N, C-alpha and C. Protein backbone atom coordinates (compact mmCIF):
# COMPACT_ATOMS: atom_id res chain seq x y z
N MET A 1 -14.37 -21.37 15.50
CA MET A 1 -15.41 -20.31 15.39
C MET A 1 -15.50 -19.45 13.80
N THR A 2 -17.09 -19.63 13.62
CA THR A 2 -17.40 -19.34 12.88
C THR A 2 -18.09 -18.27 13.05
N GLU A 3 -18.70 -17.80 14.23
CA GLU A 3 -19.60 -16.46 14.33
C GLU A 3 -19.32 -15.44 15.50
N PHE A 4 -19.94 -14.51 14.38
CA PHE A 4 -19.47 -13.15 15.59
C PHE A 4 -19.72 -12.97 16.71
N SER A 5 -20.49 -13.69 17.29
CA SER A 5 -20.73 -14.22 18.73
C SER A 5 -19.71 -14.38 19.74
N ASP A 6 -18.90 -15.28 18.93
CA ASP A 6 -17.68 -15.74 19.44
C ASP A 6 -16.73 -14.60 19.57
N LEU A 7 -16.68 -13.82 18.76
CA LEU A 7 -15.26 -12.54 18.62
C LEU A 7 -16.00 -11.40 18.93
N LEU A 8 -17.16 -11.22 18.65
CA LEU A 8 -17.31 -9.81 19.73
C LEU A 8 -18.57 -9.55 20.73
N LEU A 9 -18.42 -8.69 21.59
CA LEU A 9 -19.18 -8.33 22.99
C LEU A 9 -19.54 -7.25 22.09
N PRO A 10 -20.86 -6.61 23.27
CA PRO A 10 -21.72 -5.62 22.81
C PRO A 10 -20.70 -3.97 23.47
N GLY A 11 -19.91 -4.58 24.19
CA GLY A 11 -19.40 -3.68 24.52
C GLY A 11 -17.90 -2.85 23.98
N ALA A 12 -17.33 -3.92 22.66
CA ALA A 12 -16.65 -3.67 21.71
C ALA A 12 -17.15 -3.41 20.41
N VAL A 13 -18.50 -2.46 20.14
CA VAL A 13 -18.80 -2.30 19.18
C VAL A 13 -18.97 -0.36 19.29
N VAL A 14 -18.94 0.23 18.20
CA VAL A 14 -19.19 1.68 18.70
C VAL A 14 -19.40 2.52 17.09
N ALA A 15 -20.82 3.28 17.73
CA ALA A 15 -21.05 4.07 16.20
C ALA A 15 -20.53 5.70 16.54
N ASN A 16 -20.65 6.29 15.31
CA ASN A 16 -19.45 7.27 15.33
C ASN A 16 -18.85 7.51 15.82
N LEU A 17 -17.54 6.72 16.11
CA LEU A 17 -16.11 6.98 16.52
C LEU A 17 -15.21 8.36 15.69
N ALA A 18 -15.16 8.83 16.18
CA ALA A 18 -14.47 10.64 15.77
C ALA A 18 -12.69 9.99 16.01
N ALA A 19 -12.33 10.13 14.40
CA ALA A 19 -10.88 9.81 14.73
C ALA A 19 -10.35 10.55 13.52
N SER A 20 -9.40 11.23 13.17
CA SER A 20 -8.80 11.96 12.04
C SER A 20 -7.62 11.12 11.32
N ALA A 21 -6.86 10.24 11.68
CA ALA A 21 -6.54 9.47 10.95
C ALA A 21 -6.22 7.41 11.74
N LYS A 22 -5.38 7.23 10.67
CA LYS A 22 -5.58 5.58 11.70
C LYS A 22 -4.38 5.83 12.71
N LYS A 23 -3.34 6.34 12.93
CA LYS A 23 -2.21 6.16 14.62
C LYS A 23 -3.94 6.68 15.98
N PRO A 24 -4.58 7.82 15.65
CA PRO A 24 -5.55 7.71 16.38
C PRO A 24 -6.88 7.32 16.49
N LEU A 25 -6.74 6.62 15.37
CA LEU A 25 -7.87 5.34 15.77
C LEU A 25 -7.54 3.93 16.13
N PHE A 26 -6.27 3.56 15.92
CA PHE A 26 -5.82 2.52 16.50
C PHE A 26 -5.92 2.47 18.27
N GLN A 27 -5.42 3.69 18.65
CA GLN A 27 -5.39 4.70 20.13
C GLN A 27 -7.13 4.41 20.86
N GLN A 28 -7.76 4.79 19.63
CA GLN A 28 -9.26 4.86 20.80
C GLN A 28 -9.75 3.18 20.36
N ILE A 29 -9.62 2.00 19.39
CA ILE A 29 -9.40 0.98 19.35
C ILE A 29 -8.66 0.14 20.42
N GLY A 30 -7.85 0.21 21.00
CA GLY A 30 -6.67 0.03 21.76
C GLY A 30 -7.71 0.16 23.22
N ALA A 31 -8.45 1.82 22.98
CA ALA A 31 -9.25 2.24 24.54
C ALA A 31 -10.40 0.90 24.84
N ILE A 32 -10.88 1.06 23.67
CA ILE A 32 -12.06 0.13 23.33
C ILE A 32 -11.94 -1.53 23.76
N ALA A 33 -11.00 -1.93 23.13
CA ALA A 33 -10.41 -3.66 23.94
C ALA A 33 -10.43 -3.37 25.31
N ALA A 34 -9.37 -2.24 25.37
CA ALA A 34 -9.00 -2.60 27.45
C ALA A 34 -10.16 -2.46 28.08
N SER A 35 -11.40 -1.95 27.84
CA SER A 35 -12.84 -1.60 28.30
C SER A 35 -13.47 -3.01 28.39
N ALA A 36 -13.13 -3.52 26.98
CA ALA A 36 -14.05 -4.60 26.76
C ALA A 36 -13.68 -6.58 26.86
N TYR A 37 -11.90 -6.09 26.49
CA TYR A 37 -11.71 -6.83 27.17
C TYR A 37 -10.49 -7.44 27.48
N GLY A 38 -9.75 -6.42 28.65
CA GLY A 38 -9.37 -5.92 29.53
C GLY A 38 -7.68 -5.79 28.99
N LEU A 39 -7.92 -5.84 27.80
CA LEU A 39 -6.16 -5.73 26.90
C LEU A 39 -5.45 -4.08 27.41
N ASN A 40 -4.38 -4.24 27.34
CA ASN A 40 -3.03 -3.15 27.24
C ASN A 40 -3.77 -2.37 26.40
N PRO A 41 -4.31 -0.91 25.91
CA PRO A 41 -4.76 -0.03 25.43
C PRO A 41 -2.93 0.11 24.05
N ALA A 42 -1.98 0.27 24.42
CA ALA A 42 -0.67 0.35 24.40
C ALA A 42 -0.22 -0.46 23.13
N ASP A 43 -0.04 -1.48 24.06
CA ASP A 43 -0.10 -3.11 23.07
C ASP A 43 -0.87 -3.04 21.72
N VAL A 44 -2.27 -2.95 21.95
CA VAL A 44 -3.05 -3.17 20.96
C VAL A 44 -3.20 -1.82 19.91
N ALA A 45 -2.65 -1.30 20.01
CA ALA A 45 -2.22 0.60 19.32
C ALA A 45 -1.12 -0.24 18.64
N ASN A 46 0.09 -0.66 19.85
CA ASN A 46 1.19 -0.83 19.05
C ASN A 46 0.81 -2.01 17.67
N ALA A 47 0.71 -3.29 18.01
CA ALA A 47 -0.19 -4.41 17.03
C ALA A 47 -0.77 -3.84 15.95
N LEU A 48 -1.32 -2.70 15.88
CA LEU A 48 -2.05 -2.44 14.58
C LEU A 48 -0.95 -1.72 13.71
N VAL A 49 -0.79 -0.65 14.31
CA VAL A 49 0.33 0.30 13.79
C VAL A 49 1.37 -0.46 13.53
N ALA A 50 2.22 -1.51 13.86
CA ALA A 50 2.89 -2.26 13.30
C ALA A 50 2.52 -3.29 11.60
N ARG A 51 1.17 -4.22 12.14
CA ARG A 51 0.23 -4.74 11.11
C ARG A 51 0.48 -3.51 10.03
N GLU A 52 -0.43 -2.31 10.05
CA GLU A 52 -0.30 -1.56 8.71
C GLU A 52 0.56 -1.40 8.13
N LYS A 53 1.68 -1.40 8.94
CA LYS A 53 3.35 -0.38 8.00
C LYS A 53 3.47 -2.04 6.85
N LEU A 54 3.01 -3.13 6.90
CA LEU A 54 3.25 -3.63 6.21
C LEU A 54 2.62 -3.78 4.72
N GLY A 55 1.34 -2.72 5.04
CA GLY A 55 0.45 -3.08 4.16
C GLY A 55 -0.92 -2.40 4.59
N SER A 56 -1.24 -1.84 3.67
CA SER A 56 -2.84 -0.73 4.23
C SER A 56 -4.13 -2.07 4.30
N THR A 57 -4.87 -2.03 5.62
CA THR A 57 -5.45 -3.68 5.72
C THR A 57 -6.63 -2.71 4.94
N GLY A 58 -6.95 -1.53 4.37
CA GLY A 58 -8.20 -1.19 3.73
C GLY A 58 -8.70 -1.87 2.43
N PHE A 59 -9.39 -3.03 2.63
CA PHE A 59 -9.43 -3.21 1.40
C PHE A 59 -10.77 -2.93 0.72
N GLY A 60 -11.28 -1.93 0.81
CA GLY A 60 -12.18 -1.43 -1.02
C GLY A 60 -13.65 -0.93 -0.01
N GLY A 61 -13.88 -0.30 -1.40
CA GLY A 61 -15.56 0.09 -0.04
C GLY A 61 -15.71 0.43 0.84
N GLY A 62 -14.81 1.84 1.28
CA GLY A 62 -14.28 2.44 2.80
C GLY A 62 -14.83 1.26 4.28
N VAL A 63 -14.49 -0.10 3.52
CA VAL A 63 -14.15 -0.93 4.98
C VAL A 63 -12.65 -1.20 5.10
N ALA A 64 -12.21 -1.62 6.50
CA ALA A 64 -10.61 -2.12 7.03
C ALA A 64 -10.99 -3.08 7.37
N THR A 65 -9.87 -4.03 7.70
CA THR A 65 -9.68 -4.83 8.89
C THR A 65 -8.76 -4.77 10.03
N PRO A 66 -8.56 -3.86 9.88
CA PRO A 66 -7.18 -4.08 10.87
C PRO A 66 -6.97 -5.14 11.76
N HIS A 67 -5.97 -5.65 11.81
CA HIS A 67 -6.08 -6.52 12.94
C HIS A 67 -4.12 -7.18 13.11
N GLY A 68 -4.00 -7.77 14.49
CA GLY A 68 -2.74 -7.86 14.80
C GLY A 68 -2.71 -8.92 16.42
N ARG A 69 -1.40 -8.81 16.61
CA ARG A 69 -1.59 -10.47 17.45
C ARG A 69 -0.90 -9.75 18.69
N ILE A 70 -1.59 -10.32 19.87
CA ILE A 70 -1.76 -9.65 21.44
C ILE A 70 -1.29 -10.32 22.27
N ASP A 71 0.10 -11.16 23.10
CA ASP A 71 0.35 -11.40 24.20
C ASP A 71 -1.15 -11.36 25.01
N GLY A 72 -1.42 -12.60 25.79
CA GLY A 72 -2.04 -13.14 26.56
C GLY A 72 -3.40 -13.34 26.50
N LEU A 73 -4.01 -13.07 25.35
CA LEU A 73 -4.87 -13.36 24.51
C LEU A 73 -5.68 -15.18 24.59
N ALA A 74 -6.75 -15.29 24.92
CA ALA A 74 -7.00 -16.55 25.45
C ALA A 74 -7.38 -16.92 23.65
N HIS A 75 -8.04 -16.46 22.69
CA HIS A 75 -8.48 -16.65 21.74
C HIS A 75 -8.93 -15.03 20.94
N VAL A 76 -9.66 -15.21 19.65
CA VAL A 76 -9.36 -13.68 18.85
C VAL A 76 -10.67 -13.50 19.19
N VAL A 77 -10.50 -11.91 19.63
CA VAL A 77 -11.07 -11.34 19.59
C VAL A 77 -11.69 -10.45 18.39
N GLY A 78 -12.98 -9.42 18.98
CA GLY A 78 -12.78 -8.40 17.66
C GLY A 78 -13.78 -6.90 18.41
N VAL A 79 -12.92 -5.55 18.02
CA VAL A 79 -13.94 -4.63 17.82
C VAL A 79 -14.52 -3.78 16.71
N PHE A 80 -15.52 -3.49 16.69
CA PHE A 80 -16.24 -3.09 15.33
C PHE A 80 -16.56 -1.65 15.49
N ALA A 81 -15.88 -0.53 14.85
CA ALA A 81 -16.88 1.30 14.56
C ALA A 81 -16.71 1.41 13.64
N ARG A 82 -17.14 2.24 13.77
CA ARG A 82 -17.83 3.10 12.60
C ARG A 82 -17.64 4.47 12.53
N LEU A 83 -17.17 4.77 11.75
CA LEU A 83 -16.59 5.83 11.69
C LEU A 83 -17.42 7.43 11.35
N ALA A 84 -17.53 8.45 12.57
CA ALA A 84 -18.27 9.83 12.41
C ALA A 84 -18.09 10.33 11.37
N GLN A 85 -16.29 9.97 10.42
CA GLN A 85 -15.98 10.98 9.37
C GLN A 85 -15.25 9.93 8.69
N PRO A 86 -15.06 9.52 7.45
CA PRO A 86 -13.99 8.66 7.27
C PRO A 86 -12.77 9.16 6.96
N ILE A 87 -12.05 8.13 7.05
CA ILE A 87 -10.53 8.82 7.34
C ILE A 87 -10.08 8.05 6.21
N ASP A 88 -8.79 8.68 5.50
CA ASP A 88 -7.55 7.93 4.50
C ASP A 88 -7.19 6.99 5.46
N PHE A 89 -6.97 4.99 4.52
CA PHE A 89 -6.40 4.19 5.31
C PHE A 89 -5.52 3.78 4.17
N LYS A 90 -5.55 4.37 3.61
CA LYS A 90 -4.81 4.20 1.35
C LYS A 90 -4.86 2.41 1.33
N ALA A 91 -6.28 2.14 0.99
CA ALA A 91 -7.23 1.58 0.88
C ALA A 91 -6.73 1.46 -0.84
N VAL A 92 -7.44 -0.14 -0.73
CA VAL A 92 -6.28 -0.45 -2.80
C VAL A 92 -7.66 -0.02 -3.34
N ASP A 93 -8.76 0.71 -3.13
CA ASP A 93 -9.11 1.23 -4.01
C ASP A 93 -9.26 2.92 -3.94
N ASP A 94 -8.30 3.48 -3.11
CA ASP A 94 -8.06 5.11 -2.31
C ASP A 94 -9.54 5.80 -1.76
N LEU A 95 -10.52 5.19 -1.98
CA LEU A 95 -12.13 5.21 -1.17
C LEU A 95 -11.14 6.02 0.64
N PRO A 96 -11.38 6.98 1.50
CA PRO A 96 -11.85 6.58 2.46
C PRO A 96 -12.11 5.68 3.54
N VAL A 97 -12.11 5.23 4.83
CA VAL A 97 -12.29 4.39 4.98
C VAL A 97 -13.45 5.01 6.66
N ASP A 98 -15.13 4.10 6.56
CA ASP A 98 -15.96 4.64 7.66
C ASP A 98 -15.82 3.10 8.42
N ILE A 99 -16.07 2.19 7.95
CA ILE A 99 -16.42 1.12 8.48
C ILE A 99 -15.23 0.11 9.30
N VAL A 100 -15.02 -0.28 10.07
CA VAL A 100 -13.12 -0.57 11.13
C VAL A 100 -14.10 -2.05 11.79
N PHE A 101 -13.38 -3.27 11.59
CA PHE A 101 -13.74 -4.71 12.16
C PHE A 101 -12.34 -5.20 12.39
N THR A 102 -11.71 -4.40 14.14
CA THR A 102 -10.69 -4.90 13.74
C THR A 102 -10.48 -6.98 15.04
N LEU A 103 -9.39 -6.84 14.18
CA LEU A 103 -9.41 -8.30 15.02
C LEU A 103 -8.05 -8.33 15.90
N LEU A 104 -8.51 -9.23 17.25
CA LEU A 104 -7.34 -9.35 17.47
C LEU A 104 -6.60 -10.52 18.04
N SER A 105 -5.33 -10.84 18.12
CA SER A 105 -5.65 -12.40 18.28
C SER A 105 -4.42 -12.91 19.07
N PRO A 106 -4.43 -13.93 19.69
CA PRO A 106 -3.27 -14.80 20.43
C PRO A 106 -2.03 -15.07 18.95
N PRO A 107 -0.94 -14.66 19.51
CA PRO A 107 0.48 -15.54 18.75
C PRO A 107 0.17 -16.26 17.96
N ASP A 108 -0.24 -17.60 18.83
CA ASP A 108 -0.17 -18.62 18.16
C ASP A 108 -1.55 -19.36 17.10
N ALA A 109 -2.67 -18.04 17.49
CA ALA A 109 -3.84 -18.36 16.36
C ALA A 109 -3.63 -18.99 15.40
N GLY A 110 -2.88 -19.59 13.80
CA GLY A 110 -2.72 -19.28 13.30
C GLY A 110 -4.49 -19.25 12.40
N ALA A 111 -4.54 -20.95 12.72
CA ALA A 111 -6.18 -21.10 11.84
C ALA A 111 -7.31 -20.39 11.95
N ALA A 112 -7.14 -20.39 13.86
CA ALA A 112 -8.48 -19.53 14.09
C ALA A 112 -8.76 -17.75 13.76
N HIS A 113 -7.35 -17.64 14.07
CA HIS A 113 -7.14 -15.95 13.24
C HIS A 113 -7.55 -16.04 11.62
N LEU A 114 -6.90 -16.71 10.72
CA LEU A 114 -7.24 -16.64 9.80
C LEU A 114 -8.88 -17.30 9.07
N LYS A 115 -9.86 -17.91 10.13
CA LYS A 115 -10.93 -18.84 9.56
C LYS A 115 -11.77 -17.45 10.33
N ALA A 116 -11.42 -16.31 11.63
CA ALA A 116 -11.91 -15.18 12.06
C ALA A 116 -11.89 -14.44 10.99
N LEU A 117 -10.82 -13.93 9.95
CA LEU A 117 -10.36 -12.47 9.00
C LEU A 117 -11.01 -13.24 7.80
N ALA A 118 -11.52 -14.37 7.26
CA ALA A 118 -12.61 -14.71 6.37
C ALA A 118 -13.67 -14.59 7.28
N LEU A 119 -14.26 -14.40 7.88
CA LEU A 119 -15.89 -14.30 8.52
C LEU A 119 -15.83 -12.63 8.06
N VAL A 120 -15.03 -12.40 8.66
CA VAL A 120 -14.97 -10.90 8.90
C VAL A 120 -15.02 -10.06 7.20
N SER A 121 -13.76 -10.65 6.25
CA SER A 121 -13.83 -10.22 4.83
C SER A 121 -14.94 -10.56 4.35
N ARG A 122 -15.73 -12.19 4.00
CA ARG A 122 -17.15 -11.72 3.58
C ARG A 122 -18.21 -10.88 3.75
N SER A 123 -18.34 -10.68 4.89
CA SER A 123 -19.27 -10.27 5.80
C SER A 123 -18.96 -8.82 5.41
N LEU A 124 -18.16 -8.28 5.47
CA LEU A 124 -18.23 -6.37 4.80
C LEU A 124 -17.75 -6.71 3.71
N ARG A 125 -17.94 -7.59 2.80
CA ARG A 125 -17.83 -7.07 1.49
C ARG A 125 -19.35 -7.20 0.24
N ASP A 126 -19.89 -7.77 1.38
CA ASP A 126 -21.72 -7.79 1.06
C ASP A 126 -22.34 -6.28 1.16
N ARG A 127 -22.76 -5.79 0.44
CA ARG A 127 -22.52 -4.50 0.25
C ARG A 127 -23.70 -4.32 0.73
N ALA A 128 -24.98 -5.13 0.22
CA ALA A 128 -25.74 -4.94 1.70
C ALA A 128 -25.62 -5.02 3.24
N PHE A 129 -25.42 -5.56 3.35
CA PHE A 129 -24.40 -5.93 4.98
C PHE A 129 -23.81 -4.46 5.43
N VAL A 130 -23.25 -4.15 4.68
CA VAL A 130 -22.25 -2.65 4.85
C VAL A 130 -23.56 -1.80 4.88
N ALA A 131 -24.23 -1.60 3.42
CA ALA A 131 -25.55 -0.86 3.86
C ALA A 131 -26.20 -0.37 5.64
N LYS A 132 -26.35 -1.88 5.82
CA LYS A 132 -27.10 -2.22 6.95
C LYS A 132 -26.50 -1.48 8.32
N LEU A 133 -24.79 -1.55 8.51
CA LEU A 133 -23.69 -1.54 8.95
C LEU A 133 -23.96 0.76 9.41
N ARG A 134 -24.46 1.08 8.27
CA ARG A 134 -23.68 2.26 7.93
C ARG A 134 -25.21 3.21 8.70
N GLY A 135 -26.05 2.51 8.41
CA GLY A 135 -27.30 2.40 8.62
C GLY A 135 -28.17 2.34 10.03
N ALA A 136 -27.71 1.76 11.11
CA ALA A 136 -28.09 1.58 12.02
C ALA A 136 -27.28 2.81 12.68
N GLY A 137 -28.57 3.13 13.64
CA GLY A 137 -28.46 3.96 14.63
C GLY A 137 -27.61 4.36 16.08
N SER A 138 -27.68 3.23 16.20
CA SER A 138 -26.51 2.36 17.46
C SER A 138 -25.77 1.61 17.96
N PRO A 139 -25.42 1.91 18.92
CA PRO A 139 -23.99 0.43 18.98
C PRO A 139 -24.69 -0.88 19.42
N ASP A 140 -26.30 -0.75 20.16
CA ASP A 140 -26.50 -2.01 20.26
C ASP A 140 -27.46 -2.68 18.47
N ALA A 141 -27.80 -1.44 17.86
CA ALA A 141 -28.34 -1.77 15.99
C ALA A 141 -27.51 -2.56 15.79
N LEU A 142 -26.08 -2.24 16.34
CA LEU A 142 -25.01 -2.79 15.09
C LEU A 142 -24.46 -3.92 15.55
N TYR A 143 -24.65 -4.09 16.89
CA TYR A 143 -24.05 -5.30 17.26
C TYR A 143 -25.11 -6.75 16.97
N ALA A 144 -26.53 -6.32 17.13
CA ALA A 144 -27.82 -6.60 16.77
C ALA A 144 -27.38 -7.35 14.95
N LEU A 145 -26.76 -6.52 14.68
CA LEU A 145 -26.96 -6.82 12.67
C LEU A 145 -25.85 -8.14 12.99
N PHE A 146 -24.78 -8.08 13.63
CA PHE A 146 -23.44 -9.35 13.52
C PHE A 146 -24.05 -9.90 14.70
N SER A 147 -25.00 -10.23 15.53
CA SER A 147 -25.69 -10.89 16.10
C SER A 147 -26.52 -11.71 16.07
N THR A 148 -27.39 -11.55 15.20
CA THR A 148 -28.46 -12.44 14.57
C THR A 148 -28.68 -12.84 13.58
N GLY A 149 -27.95 -12.96 12.83
CA GLY A 149 -27.28 -14.29 11.92
C GLY A 149 -26.82 -13.33 10.08
N GLU A 150 -27.38 -11.59 10.74
CA GLU A 150 -27.36 -10.60 8.89
C GLU A 150 -25.79 -11.01 8.60
N ALA A 151 -25.70 -11.05 9.56
CA ALA A 151 -23.56 -11.21 8.83
C ALA A 151 -23.81 -12.64 8.66
N ARG A 152 -23.64 -13.54 8.79
CA ARG A 152 -23.66 -14.99 8.13
C ARG A 152 -24.44 -15.15 6.91
N ASP A 153 -25.63 -14.88 6.83
CA ASP A 153 -26.80 -14.72 5.80
C ASP A 153 -25.56 -13.93 4.72
N ALA A 154 -25.13 -12.47 5.27
CA ALA A 154 -24.27 -11.81 4.58
C ALA A 154 -23.25 -12.61 3.37
N ALA A 155 -22.67 -13.63 4.29
CA ALA A 155 -21.14 -14.23 3.98
C ALA A 155 -22.03 -15.77 3.23
């Protein structure tokens, strides 16, 4: 798995998501994952909260990559959210986060999880690509950036 099309469905991409803090954000991501992938929203939110307790997944530049392991998943899936207003994520650079790419993996998806995390991290460290994500006007436009190879080119 080396493409965003392997990770992301159009229904798992949200623009202008309103969240006041991490916990409500993770609850909303759980609801999106429930709708897109048929997951239990509480399981998703709890997995993300548990992982975040180990250390912030905000890696700088207003970007975070929360991730968690979910029983019952067949393969790694993603949820992308561009936030309406940045929130504190306790990121390494102390900047608030407005770009959130969540990865959800089966408990036994060691190598696949790491490959997906590397793909997301490489792409979201590309400032030009992140600027395009911030400027996209709709969920469809955001999904198109991931699915047309722009993210792969950024990586």
